[in-house]
Amino acid sequence: MNEDRIAPMTPLDQMLAQDSLQMLKAAVPYFPADAQRVFALYAKMMELSHTIAMFSGGPAELMMMSEESGTSQPLDILQQLRTYAGESQKEMIDQILFAFHALEILQMPKEPADPLG
């Protein structure tokens, strides 16, 4: 991950985030080198445990994570993915978005020319 930018948390990470784990992960770089590995692994294992518990809850639990609209359009998904992309990925997504918009313009119904005007 690029050190110059801080990516926002994904919706899944927001659902799984626990203040205590976030604080632990923020503190890991300040631990002695041999302890960093242990605490980083502990934090990730706790996240995995929380994820497993959340997905074990059945369809009702999973519906909380899905988009509220129920139907996501490809352009909406690309815009969301762009938020977390690096520069080269953003350029690629921008090209795809441009192509989608160009196709939309080409598919617009043409209005007949006004013969009187």
PDB file of N, CA and C in Angstrom:
ATOM      1  N   MET A   1       0.845  -1.185   0.000  1.00  0.00           N
ATOM      2  CA  MET A   1       0.000   0.000   0.000  1.00  0.00           C
ATOM      3  C   MET A   1       0.884   1.239   0.000  1.00  0.00           C
ATOM      4  N   ASN A   2       0.468   2.257  -0.679  1.00  0.00           N
ATOM      5  CA  ASN A   2       1.238   3.472  -0.801  1.00  0.00           C
ATOM      6  C   ASN A   2       1.273   4.207   0.537  1.00  0.00           C
ATOM      7  N   GLU A   3       2.472   4.585   0.966  1.00  0.00           N
ATOM      8  CA  GLU A   3       2.643   5.254   2.258  1.00  0.00           C
ATOM      9  C   GLU A   3       2.153   6.702   2.228  1.00  0.00           C
ATOM     10  N   ASP A   4       2.044   7.299   1.024  1.00  0.00           N
ATOM     11  CA  ASP A   4       1.692   8.707   0.914  1.00  0.00           C
ATOM     12  C   ASP A   4       0.205   8.980   1.107  1.00  0.00           C
ATOM     13  N   ARG A   5      -0.603   7.959   1.010  1.00  0.00           N
ATOM     14  CA  ARG A   5      -2.040   8.178   1.143  1.00  0.00           C
ATOM     15  C   ARG A   5      -2.622   7.181   2.132  1.00  0.00           C
ATOM     16  N   ILE A   6      -3.692   7.587   2.764  1.00  0.00           N
ATOM     17  CA  ILE A   6      -4.397   6.699   3.678  1.00  0.00           C
ATOM     18  C   ILE A   6      -5.742   6.402   3.043  1.00  0.00           C
ATOM     19  N   ALA A   7      -5.949   5.154   2.684  1.00  0.00           N
ATOM     20  CA  ALA A   7      -7.204   4.754   2.054  1.00  0.00           C
ATOM     21  C   ALA A   7      -8.299   4.689   3.112  1.00  0.00           C
ATOM     22  N   PRO A   8      -9.501   5.087   2.740  1.00  0.00           N
ATOM     23  CA  PRO A   8     -10.610   4.961   3.688  1.00  0.00           C
ATOM     24  C   PRO A   8     -10.914   3.490   3.944  1.00  0.00           C
ATOM     25  N   MET A   9     -11.578   3.227   5.036  1.00  0.00           N
ATOM     26  CA  MET A   9     -11.954   1.848   5.353  1.00  0.00           C
ATOM     27  C   MET A   9     -13.069   1.400   4.423  1.00  0.00           C
ATOM     28  N   THR A  10     -12.979   0.165   3.981  1.00  0.00           N
ATOM     29  CA  THR A  10     -14.039  -0.403   3.156  1.00  0.00           C
ATOM     30  C   THR A  10     -15.275  -0.617   4.025  1.00  0.00           C
ATOM     31  N   PRO A  11     -16.446  -0.744   3.401  1.00  0.00           N
ATOM     32  CA  PRO A  11     -17.652  -1.012   4.201  1.00  0.00           C
ATOM     33  C   PRO A  11     -17.514  -2.269   5.062  1.00  0.00           C
ATOM     34  N   LEU A  12     -16.872  -3.309   4.534  1.00  0.00           N
ATOM     35  CA  LEU A  12     -16.670  -4.529   5.322  1.00  0.00           C
ATOM     36  C   LEU A  12     -15.786  -4.236   6.530  1.00  0.00           C
ATOM     37  N   ASP A  13     -14.689  -3.499   6.318  1.00  0.00           N
ATOM     38  CA  ASP A  13     -13.812  -3.157   7.437  1.00  0.00           C
ATOM     39  C   ASP A  13     -14.534  -2.304   8.472  1.00  0.00           C
ATOM     40  N   GLN A  14     -15.411  -1.414   8.018  1.00  0.00           N
ATOM     41  CA  GLN A  14     -16.169  -0.589   8.957  1.00  0.00           C
ATOM     42  C   GLN A  14     -17.080  -1.446   9.822  1.00  0.00           C
ATOM     43  N   MET A  15     -17.670  -2.475   9.215  1.00  0.00           N
ATOM     44  CA  MET A  15     -18.550  -3.358   9.984  1.00  0.00           C
ATOM     45  C   MET A  15     -17.763  -4.191  10.988  1.00  0.00           C
ATOM     46  N   LEU A  16     -16.542  -4.564  10.619  1.00  0.00           N
ATOM     47  CA  LEU A  16     -15.743  -5.434  11.473  1.00  0.00           C
ATOM     48  C   LEU A  16     -14.913  -4.665  12.493  1.00  0.00           C
ATOM     49  N   ALA A  17     -14.744  -3.377  12.268  1.00  0.00           N
ATOM     50  CA  ALA A  17     -13.848  -2.585  13.109  1.00  0.00           C
ATOM     51  C   ALA A  17     -14.329  -2.550  14.555  1.00  0.00           C
ATOM     52  N   GLN A  18     -13.421  -2.817  15.430  1.00  0.00           N
ATOM     53  CA  GLN A  18     -13.662  -2.681  16.859  1.00  0.00           C
ATOM     54  C   GLN A  18     -12.605  -1.710  17.369  1.00  0.00           C
ATOM     55  N   ASP A  19     -13.017  -0.778  18.189  1.00  0.00           N
ATOM     56  CA  ASP A  19     -12.085   0.243  18.659  1.00  0.00           C
ATOM     57  C   ASP A  19     -10.833  -0.359  19.277  1.00  0.00           C
ATOM     58  N   SER A  20     -11.003  -1.405  20.071  1.00  0.00           N
ATOM     59  CA  SER A  20      -9.840  -1.984  20.740  1.00  0.00           C
ATOM     60  C   SER A  20      -8.851  -2.572  19.733  1.00  0.00           C
ATOM     61  N   LEU A  21      -9.351  -3.219  18.687  1.00  0.00           N
ATOM     62  CA  LEU A  21      -8.450  -3.772  17.668  1.00  0.00           C
ATOM     63  C   LEU A  21      -7.799  -2.668  16.850  1.00  0.00           C
ATOM     64  N   GLN A  22      -8.545  -1.629  16.540  1.00  0.00           N
ATOM     65  CA  GLN A  22      -7.967  -0.512  15.797  1.00  0.00           C
ATOM     66  C   GLN A  22      -6.849   0.144  16.610  1.00  0.00           C
ATOM     67  N   MET A  23      -7.064   0.288  17.906  1.00  0.00           N
ATOM     68  CA  MET A  23      -6.036   0.871  18.772  1.00  0.00           C
ATOM     69  C   MET A  23      -4.809  -0.036  18.831  1.00  0.00           C
ATOM     70  N   LEU A  24      -5.037  -1.339  18.922  1.00  0.00           N
ATOM     71  CA  LEU A  24      -3.924  -2.284  18.951  1.00  0.00           C
ATOM     72  C   LEU A  24      -3.117  -2.196  17.664  1.00  0.00           C
ATOM     73  N   LYS A  25      -3.804  -2.175  16.522  1.00  0.00           N
ATOM     74  CA  LYS A  25      -3.099  -2.101  15.241  1.00  0.00           C
ATOM     75  C   LYS A  25      -2.332  -0.788  15.105  1.00  0.00           C
ATOM     76  N   ALA A  26      -2.883   0.293  15.636  1.00  0.00           N
ATOM     77  CA  ALA A  26      -2.182   1.578  15.584  1.00  0.00           C
ATOM     78  C   ALA A  26      -0.936   1.572  16.461  1.00  0.00           C
ATOM     79  N   ALA A  27      -0.959   0.781  17.525  1.00  0.00           N
ATOM     80  CA  ALA A  27       0.171   0.741  18.460  1.00  0.00           C
ATOM     81  C   ALA A  27       1.272  -0.222  18.033  1.00  0.00           C
ATOM     82  N   VAL A  28       0.977  -1.154  17.134  1.00  0.00           N
ATOM     83  CA  VAL A  28       1.951  -2.193  16.750  1.00  0.00           C
ATOM     84  C   VAL A  28       3.316  -1.626  16.360  1.00  0.00           C
ATOM     85  N   PRO A  29       3.409  -0.567  15.557  1.00  0.00           N
ATOM     86  CA  PRO A  29       4.741  -0.072  15.175  1.00  0.00           C
ATOM     87  C   PRO A  29       5.590   0.417  16.356  1.00  0.00           C
ATOM     88  N   TYR A  30       4.969   0.676  17.489  1.00  0.00           N
ATOM     89  CA  TYR A  30       5.696   1.195  18.646  1.00  0.00           C
ATOM     90  C   TYR A  30       6.169   0.101  19.591  1.00  0.00           C
ATOM     91  N   PHE A  31       5.753  -1.138  19.346  1.00  0.00           N
ATOM     92  CA  PHE A  31       6.211  -2.263  20.157  1.00  0.00           C
ATOM     93  C   PHE A  31       7.624  -2.646  19.740  1.00  0.00           C
ATOM     94  N   PRO A  32       8.350  -3.340  20.621  1.00  0.00           N
ATOM     95  CA  PRO A  32       9.655  -3.874  20.212  1.00  0.00           C
ATOM     96  C   PRO A  32       9.471  -4.789  18.998  1.00  0.00           C
ATOM     97  N   ALA A  33      10.504  -4.887  18.181  1.00  0.00           N
ATOM     98  CA  ALA A  33      10.417  -5.619  16.913  1.00  0.00           C
ATOM     99  C   ALA A  33       9.880  -7.040  17.078  1.00  0.00           C
ATOM    100  N   ASP A  34      10.344  -7.760  18.098  1.00  0.00           N
ATOM    101  CA  ASP A  34       9.887  -9.144  18.259  1.00  0.00           C
ATOM    102  C   ASP A  34       8.422  -9.220  18.698  1.00  0.00           C
ATOM    103  N   ALA A  35       7.918  -8.194  19.354  1.00  0.00           N
ATOM    104  CA  ALA A  35       6.521  -8.187  19.800  1.00  0.00           C
ATOM    105  C   ALA A  35       5.569  -7.723  18.696  1.00  0.00           C
ATOM    106  N   GLN A  36       6.076  -6.956  17.730  1.00  0.00           N
ATOM    107  CA  GLN A  36       5.222  -6.454  16.653  1.00  0.00           C
ATOM    108  C   GLN A  36       4.535  -7.594  15.908  1.00  0.00           C
ATOM    109  N   ARG A  37       5.301  -8.612  15.599  1.00  0.00           N
ATOM    110  CA  ARG A  37       4.760  -9.748  14.852  1.00  0.00           C
ATOM    111  C   ARG A  37       3.624 -10.419  15.632  1.00  0.00           C
ATOM    112  N   VAL A  38       3.841 -10.640  16.914  1.00  0.00           N
ATOM    113  CA  VAL A  38       2.850 -11.316  17.750  1.00  0.00           C
ATOM    114  C   VAL A  38       1.563 -10.501  17.824  1.00  0.00           C
ATOM    115  N   PHE A  39       1.686  -9.207  18.097  1.00  0.00           N
ATOM    116  CA  PHE A  39       0.492  -8.375  18.242  1.00  0.00           C
ATOM    117  C   PHE A  39      -0.220  -8.154  16.904  1.00  0.00           C
ATOM    118  N   ALA A  40       0.535  -8.036  15.814  1.00  0.00           N
ATOM    119  CA  ALA A  40      -0.088  -7.890  14.495  1.00  0.00           C
ATOM    120  C   ALA A  40      -0.875  -9.151  14.141  1.00  0.00           C
ATOM    121  N   LEU A  41      -0.286 -10.312  14.381  1.00  0.00           N
ATOM    122  CA  LEU A  41      -0.983 -11.572  14.113  1.00  0.00           C
ATOM    123  C   LEU A  41      -2.209 -11.727  15.010  1.00  0.00           C
ATOM    124  N   TYR A  42      -2.080 -11.335  16.263  1.00  0.00           N
ATOM    125  CA  TYR A  42      -3.218 -11.411  17.183  1.00  0.00           C
ATOM    126  C   TYR A  42      -4.371 -10.543  16.673  1.00  0.00           C
ATOM    127  N   ALA A  43      -4.069  -9.319  16.253  1.00  0.00           N
ATOM    128  CA  ALA A  43      -5.112  -8.410  15.768  1.00  0.00           C
ATOM    129  C   ALA A  43      -5.795  -8.990  14.532  1.00  0.00           C
ATOM    130  N   LYS A  44      -5.015  -9.530  13.620  1.00  0.00           N
ATOM    131  CA  LYS A  44      -5.593 -10.104  12.400  1.00  0.00           C
ATOM    132  C   LYS A  44      -6.407 -11.360  12.702  1.00  0.00           C
ATOM    133  N   MET A  45      -5.957 -12.171  13.629  1.00  0.00           N
ATOM    134  CA  MET A  45      -6.713 -13.366  14.009  1.00  0.00           C
ATOM    135  C   MET A  45      -8.043 -12.977  14.658  1.00  0.00           C
ATOM    136  N   MET A  46      -8.039 -11.930  15.458  1.00  0.00           N
ATOM    137  CA  MET A  46      -9.285 -11.461  16.067  1.00  0.00           C
ATOM    138  C   MET A  46     -10.242 -10.940  14.990  1.00  0.00           C
ATOM    139  N   GLU A  47      -9.709 -10.231  13.996  1.00  0.00           N
ATOM    140  CA  GLU A  47     -10.546  -9.765  12.887  1.00  0.00           C
ATOM    141  C   GLU A  47     -11.141 -10.947  12.128  1.00  0.00           C
ATOM    142  N   LEU A  48     -10.317 -11.961  11.872  1.00  0.00           N
ATOM    143  CA  LEU A  48     -10.800 -13.153  11.175  1.00  0.00           C
ATOM    144  C   LEU A  48     -11.894 -13.842  11.985  1.00  0.00           C
ATOM    145  N   SER A  49     -11.682 -13.946  13.279  1.00  0.00           N
ATOM    146  CA  SER A  49     -12.673 -14.565  14.154  1.00  0.00           C
ATOM    147  C   SER A  49     -13.996 -13.792  14.106  1.00  0.00           C
ATOM    148  N   HIS A  50     -13.899 -12.483  14.149  1.00  0.00           N
ATOM    149  CA  HIS A  50     -15.095 -11.633  14.086  1.00  0.00           C
ATOM    150  C   HIS A  50     -15.789 -11.798  12.731  1.00  0.00           C
ATOM    151  N   THR A  51     -15.011 -11.892  11.652  1.00  0.00           N
ATOM    152  CA  THR A  51     -15.571 -12.072  10.314  1.00  0.00           C
ATOM    153  C   THR A  51     -16.314 -13.395  10.214  1.00  0.00           C
ATOM    154  N   ILE A  52     -15.699 -14.455  10.707  1.00  0.00           N
ATOM    155  CA  ILE A  52     -16.332 -15.774  10.681  1.00  0.00           C
ATOM    156  C   ILE A  52     -17.635 -15.746  11.467  1.00  0.00           C
ATOM    157  N   ALA A  53     -17.614 -15.119  12.626  1.00  0.00           N
ATOM    158  CA  ALA A  53     -18.825 -15.035  13.446  1.00  0.00           C
ATOM    159  C   ALA A  53     -19.920 -14.261  12.714  1.00  0.00           C
ATOM    160  N   MET A  54     -19.546 -13.182  12.041  1.00  0.00           N
ATOM    161  CA  MET A  54     -20.534 -12.370  11.340  1.00  0.00           C
ATOM    162  C   MET A  54     -21.156 -13.155  10.187  1.00  0.00           C
ATOM    163  N   PHE A  55     -20.344 -13.885   9.435  1.00  0.00           N
ATOM    164  CA  PHE A  55     -20.862 -14.626   8.289  1.00  0.00           C
ATOM    165  C   PHE A  55     -21.543 -15.924   8.698  1.00  0.00           C
ATOM    166  N   SER A  56     -21.400 -16.323   9.929  1.00  0.00           N
ATOM    167  CA  SER A  56     -22.084 -17.520  10.417  1.00  0.00           C
ATOM    168  C   SER A  56     -23.505 -17.213  10.851  1.00  0.00           C
ATOM    169  N   GLY A  57     -23.849 -15.934  10.903  1.00  0.00           N
ATOM    170  CA  GLY A  57     -25.158 -15.513  11.377  1.00  0.00           C
ATOM    171  C   GLY A  57     -26.294 -15.771  10.420  1.00  0.00           C
ATOM    172  N   GLY A  58     -26.013 -16.149   9.196  1.00  0.00           N
ATOM    173  CA  GLY A  58     -27.068 -16.434   8.236  1.00  0.00           C
ATOM    174  C   GLY A  58     -27.374 -15.258   7.336  1.00  0.00           C
ATOM    175  N   PRO A  59     -28.345 -15.432   6.447  1.00  0.00           N
ATOM    176  CA  PRO A  59     -28.668 -14.420   5.440  1.00  0.00           C
ATOM    177  C   PRO A  59     -29.084 -13.069   6.020  1.00  0.00           C
ATOM    178  N   ALA A  60     -29.783 -13.068   7.138  1.00  0.00           N
ATOM    179  CA  ALA A  60     -30.228 -11.791   7.714  1.00  0.00           C
ATOM    180  C   ALA A  60     -29.034 -10.928   8.092  1.00  0.00           C
ATOM    181  N   GLU A  61     -28.006 -11.550   8.659  1.00  0.00           N
ATOM    182  CA  GLU A  61     -26.803 -10.809   9.025  1.00  0.00           C
ATOM    183  C   GLU A  61     -26.102 -10.262   7.788  1.00  0.00           C
ATOM    184  N   LEU A  62     -26.041 -11.066   6.736  1.00  0.00           N
ATOM    185  CA  LEU A  62     -25.341 -10.655   5.531  1.00  0.00           C
ATOM    186  C   LEU A  62     -26.071  -9.539   4.808  1.00  0.00           C
ATOM    187  N   MET A  63     -27.375  -9.476   4.935  1.00  0.00           N
ATOM    188  CA  MET A  63     -28.137  -8.426   4.272  1.00  0.00           C
ATOM    189  C   MET A  63     -27.764  -7.049   4.797  1.00  0.00           C
ATOM    190  N   MET A  64     -27.283  -6.974   6.034  1.00  0.00           N
ATOM    191  CA  MET A  64     -26.867  -5.692   6.591  1.00  0.00           C
ATOM    192  C   MET A  64     -25.724  -5.101   5.777  1.00  0.00           C
ATOM    193  N   MET A  65     -24.860  -5.954   5.206  1.00  0.00           N
ATOM    194  CA  MET A  65     -23.710  -5.468   4.469  1.00  0.00           C
ATOM    195  C   MET A  65     -24.028  -5.083   3.047  1.00  0.00           C
ATOM    196  N   SER A  66     -25.108  -5.593   2.496  1.00  0.00           N
ATOM    197  CA  SER A  66     -25.382  -5.358   1.091  1.00  0.00           C
ATOM    198  C   SER A  66     -25.809  -3.918   0.877  1.00  0.00           C
ATOM    199  N   GLU A  67     -25.688  -3.496  -0.347  1.00  0.00           N
ATOM    200  CA  GLU A  67     -26.095  -2.142  -0.703  1.00  0.00           C
ATOM    201  C   GLU A  67     -27.566  -1.948  -0.374  1.00  0.00           C
ATOM    202  N   GLU A  68     -27.909  -0.780   0.154  1.00  0.00           N
ATOM    203  CA  GLU A  68     -29.286  -0.518   0.533  1.00  0.00           C
ATOM    204  C   GLU A  68     -30.227  -0.531  -0.660  1.00  0.00           C
ATOM    205  N   SER A  69     -29.754  -0.113  -1.808  1.00  0.00           N
ATOM    206  CA  SER A  69     -30.631  -0.062  -2.972  1.00  0.00           C
ATOM    207  C   SER A  69     -31.021  -1.454  -3.450  1.00  0.00           C
ATOM    208  N   GLY A  70     -30.232  -2.453  -3.112  1.00  0.00           N
ATOM    209  CA  GLY A  70     -30.545  -3.809  -3.522  1.00  0.00           C
ATOM    210  C   GLY A  70     -29.989  -4.163  -4.881  1.00  0.00           C
ATOM    211  N   THR A  71     -29.896  -3.197  -5.766  1.00  0.00           N
ATOM    212  CA  THR A  71     -29.311  -3.451  -7.077  1.00  0.00           C
ATOM    213  C   THR A  71     -28.212  -2.441  -7.318  1.00  0.00           C
ATOM    214  N   SER A  72     -27.033  -2.941  -7.561  1.00  0.00           N
ATOM    215  CA  SER A  72     -25.898  -2.067  -7.817  1.00  0.00           C
ATOM    216  C   SER A  72     -25.599  -2.065  -9.305  1.00  0.00           C
ATOM    217  N   GLN A  73     -25.419  -0.908  -9.828  1.00  0.00           N
ATOM    218  CA  GLN A  73     -25.069  -0.753 -11.229  1.00  0.00           C
ATOM    219  C   GLN A  73     -23.550  -0.853 -11.375  1.00  0.00           C
ATOM    220  N   PRO A  74     -23.072  -1.335 -12.522  1.00  0.00           N
ATOM    221  CA  PRO A  74     -21.618  -1.450 -12.717  1.00  0.00           C
ATOM    222  C   PRO A  74     -20.877  -0.133 -12.484  1.00  0.00           C
ATOM    223  N   LEU A  75     -21.460   0.980 -12.914  1.00  0.00           N
ATOM    224  CA  LEU A  75     -20.791   2.268 -12.720  1.00  0.00           C
ATOM    225  C   LEU A  75     -20.669   2.612 -11.240  1.00  0.00           C
ATOM    226  N   ASP A  76     -21.694   2.286 -10.460  1.00  0.00           N
ATOM    227  CA  ASP A  76     -21.644   2.536  -9.019  1.00  0.00           C
ATOM    228  C   ASP A  76     -20.546   1.699  -8.368  1.00  0.00           C
ATOM    229  N   ILE A  77     -20.445   0.454  -8.794  1.00  0.00           N
ATOM    230  CA  ILE A  77     -19.424  -0.437  -8.242  1.00  0.00           C
ATOM    231  C   ILE A  77     -18.037   0.083  -8.594  1.00  0.00           C
ATOM    232  N   LEU A  78     -17.844   0.496  -9.851  1.00  0.00           N
ATOM    233  CA  LEU A  78     -16.540   1.025 -10.261  1.00  0.00           C
ATOM    234  C   LEU A  78     -16.178   2.279  -9.473  1.00  0.00           C
ATOM    235  N   GLN A  79     -17.153   3.161  -9.255  1.00  0.00           N
ATOM    236  CA  GLN A  79     -16.889   4.377  -8.470  1.00  0.00           C
ATOM    237  C   GLN A  79     -16.465   4.018  -7.053  1.00  0.00           C
ATOM    238  N   GLN A  80     -17.123   3.027  -6.465  1.00  0.00           N
ATOM    239  CA  GLN A  80     -16.773   2.595  -5.110  1.00  0.00           C
ATOM    240  C   GLN A  80     -15.370   1.993  -5.089  1.00  0.00           C
ATOM    241  N   LEU A  81     -15.064   1.139  -6.066  1.00  0.00           N
ATOM    242  CA  LEU A  81     -13.739   0.522  -6.127  1.00  0.00           C
ATOM    243  C   LEU A  81     -12.647   1.565  -6.324  1.00  0.00           C
ATOM    244  N   ARG A  82     -12.945   2.605  -7.081  1.00  0.00           N
ATOM    245  CA  ARG A  82     -11.963   3.658  -7.360  1.00  0.00           C
ATOM    246  C   ARG A  82     -11.472   4.320  -6.071  1.00  0.00           C
ATOM    247  N   THR A  83     -12.338   4.377  -5.079  1.00  0.00           N
ATOM    248  CA  THR A  83     -11.984   4.984  -3.793  1.00  0.00           C
ATOM    249  C   THR A  83     -10.777   4.300  -3.156  1.00  0.00           C
ATOM    250  N   TYR A  84     -10.629   3.008  -3.387  1.00  0.00           N
ATOM    251  CA  TYR A  84      -9.586   2.224  -2.730  1.00  0.00           C
ATOM    252  C   TYR A  84      -8.420   1.889  -3.659  1.00  0.00           C
ATOM    253  N   ALA A  85      -8.474   2.355  -4.887  1.00  0.00           N
ATOM    254  CA  ALA A  85      -7.474   1.992  -5.888  1.00  0.00           C
ATOM    255  C   ALA A  85      -6.226   2.859  -5.787  1.00  0.00           C
ATOM    256  N   GLY A  86      -5.123   2.287  -6.256  1.00  0.00           N
ATOM    257  CA  GLY A  86      -3.891   3.054  -6.420  1.00  0.00           C
ATOM    258  C   GLY A  86      -3.983   3.868  -7.704  1.00  0.00           C
ATOM    259  N   GLU A  87      -2.947   4.651  -7.986  1.00  0.00           N
ATOM    260  CA  GLU A  87      -2.998   5.547  -9.142  1.00  0.00           C
ATOM    261  C   GLU A  87      -3.185   4.809 -10.460  1.00  0.00           C
ATOM    262  N   SER A  88      -2.438   3.727 -10.689  1.00  0.00           N
ATOM    263  CA  SER A  88      -2.570   3.021 -11.968  1.00  0.00           C
ATOM    264  C   SER A  88      -3.952   2.381 -12.097  1.00  0.00           C
ATOM    265  N   GLN A  89      -4.471   1.853 -10.989  1.00  0.00           N
ATOM    266  CA  GLN A  89      -5.809   1.269 -11.035  1.00  0.00           C
ATOM    267  C   GLN A  89      -6.866   2.348 -11.267  1.00  0.00           C
ATOM    268  N   LYS A  90      -6.662   3.533 -10.665  1.00  0.00           N
ATOM    269  CA  LYS A  90      -7.610   4.634 -10.874  1.00  0.00           C
ATOM    270  C   LYS A  90      -7.658   5.029 -12.344  1.00  0.00           C
ATOM    271  N   GLU A  91      -6.481   5.070 -12.988  1.00  0.00           N
ATOM    272  CA  GLU A  91      -6.443   5.416 -14.407  1.00  0.00           C
ATOM    273  C   GLU A  91      -7.222   4.398 -15.230  1.00  0.00           C
ATOM    274  N   MET A  92      -7.058   3.123 -14.910  1.00  0.00           N
ATOM    275  CA  MET A  92      -7.763   2.077 -15.638  1.00  0.00           C
ATOM    276  C   MET A  92      -9.276   2.194 -15.415  1.00  0.00           C
ATOM    277  N   ILE A  93      -9.676   2.424 -14.175  1.00  0.00           N
ATOM    278  CA  ILE A  93     -11.102   2.581 -13.868  1.00  0.00           C
ATOM    279  C   ILE A  93     -11.656   3.812 -14.572  1.00  0.00           C
ATOM    280  N   ASP A  94     -10.880   4.901 -14.594  1.00  0.00           N
ATOM    281  CA  ASP A  94     -11.324   6.107 -15.294  1.00  0.00           C
ATOM    282  C   ASP A  94     -11.553   5.835 -16.777  1.00  0.00           C
ATOM    283  N   GLN A  95     -10.669   5.041 -17.389  1.00  0.00           N
ATOM    284  CA  GLN A  95     -10.842   4.697 -18.803  1.00  0.00           C
ATOM    285  C   GLN A  95     -12.120   3.884 -19.013  1.00  0.00           C
ATOM    286  N   ILE A  96     -12.377   2.956 -18.117  1.00  0.00           N
ATOM    287  CA  ILE A  96     -13.597   2.150 -18.215  1.00  0.00           C
ATOM    288  C   ILE A  96     -14.829   3.037 -18.038  1.00  0.00           C
ATOM    289  N   LEU A  97     -14.788   3.934 -17.047  1.00  0.00           N
ATOM    290  CA  LEU A  97     -15.916   4.846 -16.823  1.00  0.00           C
ATOM    291  C   LEU A  97     -16.150   5.733 -18.044  1.00  0.00           C
ATOM    292  N   PHE A  98     -15.053   6.222 -18.634  1.00  0.00           N
ATOM    293  CA  PHE A  98     -15.165   7.050 -19.833  1.00  0.00           C
ATOM    294  C   PHE A  98     -15.837   6.264 -20.957  1.00  0.00           C
ATOM    295  N   ALA A  99     -15.430   5.006 -21.134  1.00  0.00           N
ATOM    296  CA  ALA A  99     -16.022   4.165 -22.177  1.00  0.00           C
ATOM    297  C   ALA A  99     -17.517   3.951 -21.918  1.00  0.00           C
ATOM    298  N   PHE A 100     -17.881   3.703 -20.661  1.00  0.00           N
ATOM    299  CA  PHE A 100     -19.300   3.533 -20.321  1.00  0.00           C
ATOM    300  C   PHE A 100     -20.093   4.796 -20.656  1.00  0.00           C
ATOM    301  N   HIS A 101     -19.545   5.959 -20.281  1.00  0.00           N
ATOM    302  CA  HIS A 101     -20.252   7.211 -20.542  1.00  0.00           C
ATOM    303  C   HIS A 101     -20.355   7.474 -22.043  1.00  0.00           C
ATOM    304  N   ALA A 102     -19.306   7.153 -22.796  1.00  0.00           N
ATOM    305  CA  ALA A 102     -19.349   7.328 -24.249  1.00  0.00           C
ATOM    306  C   ALA A 102     -20.434   6.440 -24.855  1.00  0.00           C
ATOM    307  N   LEU A 103     -20.537   5.209 -24.382  1.00  0.00           N
ATOM    308  CA  LEU A 103     -21.583   4.310 -24.877  1.00  0.00           C
ATOM    309  C   LEU A 103     -22.974   4.837 -24.546  1.00  0.00           C
ATOM    310  N   GLU A 104     -23.124   5.409 -23.351  1.00  0.00           N
ATOM    311  CA  GLU A 104     -24.422   5.978 -22.974  1.00  0.00           C
ATOM    312  C   GLU A 104     -24.813   7.105 -23.919  1.00  0.00           C
ATOM    313  N   ILE A 105     -23.836   7.938 -24.266  1.00  0.00           N
ATOM    314  CA  ILE A 105     -24.112   9.059 -25.173  1.00  0.00           C
ATOM    315  C   ILE A 105     -24.499   8.535 -26.551  1.00  0.00           C
ATOM    316  N   LEU A 106     -23.787   7.518 -27.022  1.00  0.00           N
ATOM    317  CA  LEU A 106     -24.093   6.947 -28.335  1.00  0.00           C
ATOM    318  C   LEU A 106     -25.460   6.276 -28.372  1.00  0.00           C
ATOM    319  N   GLN A 107     -25.913   5.782 -27.238  1.00  0.00           N
ATOM    320  CA  GLN A 107     -27.193   5.085 -27.185  1.00  0.00           C
ATOM    321  C   GLN A 107     -28.379   6.012 -26.935  1.00  0.00           C
ATOM    322  N   MET A 108     -28.109   7.302 -26.706  1.00  0.00           N
ATOM    323  CA  MET A 108     -29.201   8.249 -26.487  1.00  0.00           C
ATOM    324  C   MET A 108     -30.044   8.348 -27.752  1.00  0.00           C
ATOM    325  N   PRO A 109     -31.351   8.427 -27.577  1.00  0.00           N
ATOM    326  CA  PRO A 109     -32.202   8.550 -28.773  1.00  0.00           C
ATOM    327  C   PRO A 109     -31.919   9.876 -29.477  1.00  0.00           C
ATOM    328  N   LYS A 110     -31.836   9.784 -30.777  1.00  0.00           N
ATOM    329  CA  LYS A 110     -31.593  10.986 -31.586  1.00  0.00           C
ATOM    330  C   LYS A 110     -32.934  11.657 -31.857  1.00  0.00           C
ATOM    331  N   GLU A 111     -32.992  12.949 -31.625  1.00  0.00           N
ATOM    332  CA  GLU A 111     -34.217  13.690 -31.914  1.00  0.00           C
ATOM    333  C   GLU A 111     -34.211  14.061 -33.395  1.00  0.00           C
ATOM    334  N   PRO A 112     -35.328  13.884 -34.063  1.00  0.00           N
ATOM    335  CA  PRO A 112     -35.364  14.241 -35.487  1.00  0.00           C
ATOM    336  C   PRO A 112     -35.194  15.749 -35.660  1.00  0.00           C
ATOM    337  N   ALA A 113     -34.542  16.109 -36.747  1.00  0.00           N
ATOM    338  CA  ALA A 113     -34.344  17.528 -37.038  1.00  0.00           C
ATOM    339  C   ALA A 113     -35.692  18.167 -37.344  1.00  0.00           C
ATOM    340  N   ASP A 114     -35.887  19.379 -36.866  1.00  0.00           N
ATOM    341  CA  ASP A 114     -37.140  20.102 -37.097  1.00  0.00           C
ATOM    342  C   ASP A 114     -37.129  20.658 -38.527  1.00  0.00           C
ATOM    343  N   PRO A 115     -38.011  20.158 -39.392  1.00  0.00           N
ATOM    344  CA  PRO A 115     -37.992  20.615 -40.789  1.00  0.00           C
ATOM    345  C   PRO A 115     -38.398  22.083 -40.930  1.00  0.00           C
ATOM    346  N   LEU A 116     -39.104  22.628 -39.947  1.00  0.00           N
ATOM    347  CA  LEU A 116     -39.542  24.025 -40.027  1.00  0.00           C
ATOM    348  C   LEU A 116     -38.514  24.979 -39.445  1.00  0.00           C
ATOM    349  N   GLY A 117     -37.567  24.461 -38.678  1.00  0.00           N
ATOM    350  CA  GLY A 117     -36.659  25.331 -37.966  1.00  0.00           C
ATOM    351  C   GLY A 117     -35.378  25.432 -38.575  1.00  0.00           C
TER     352      GLY A 117
END
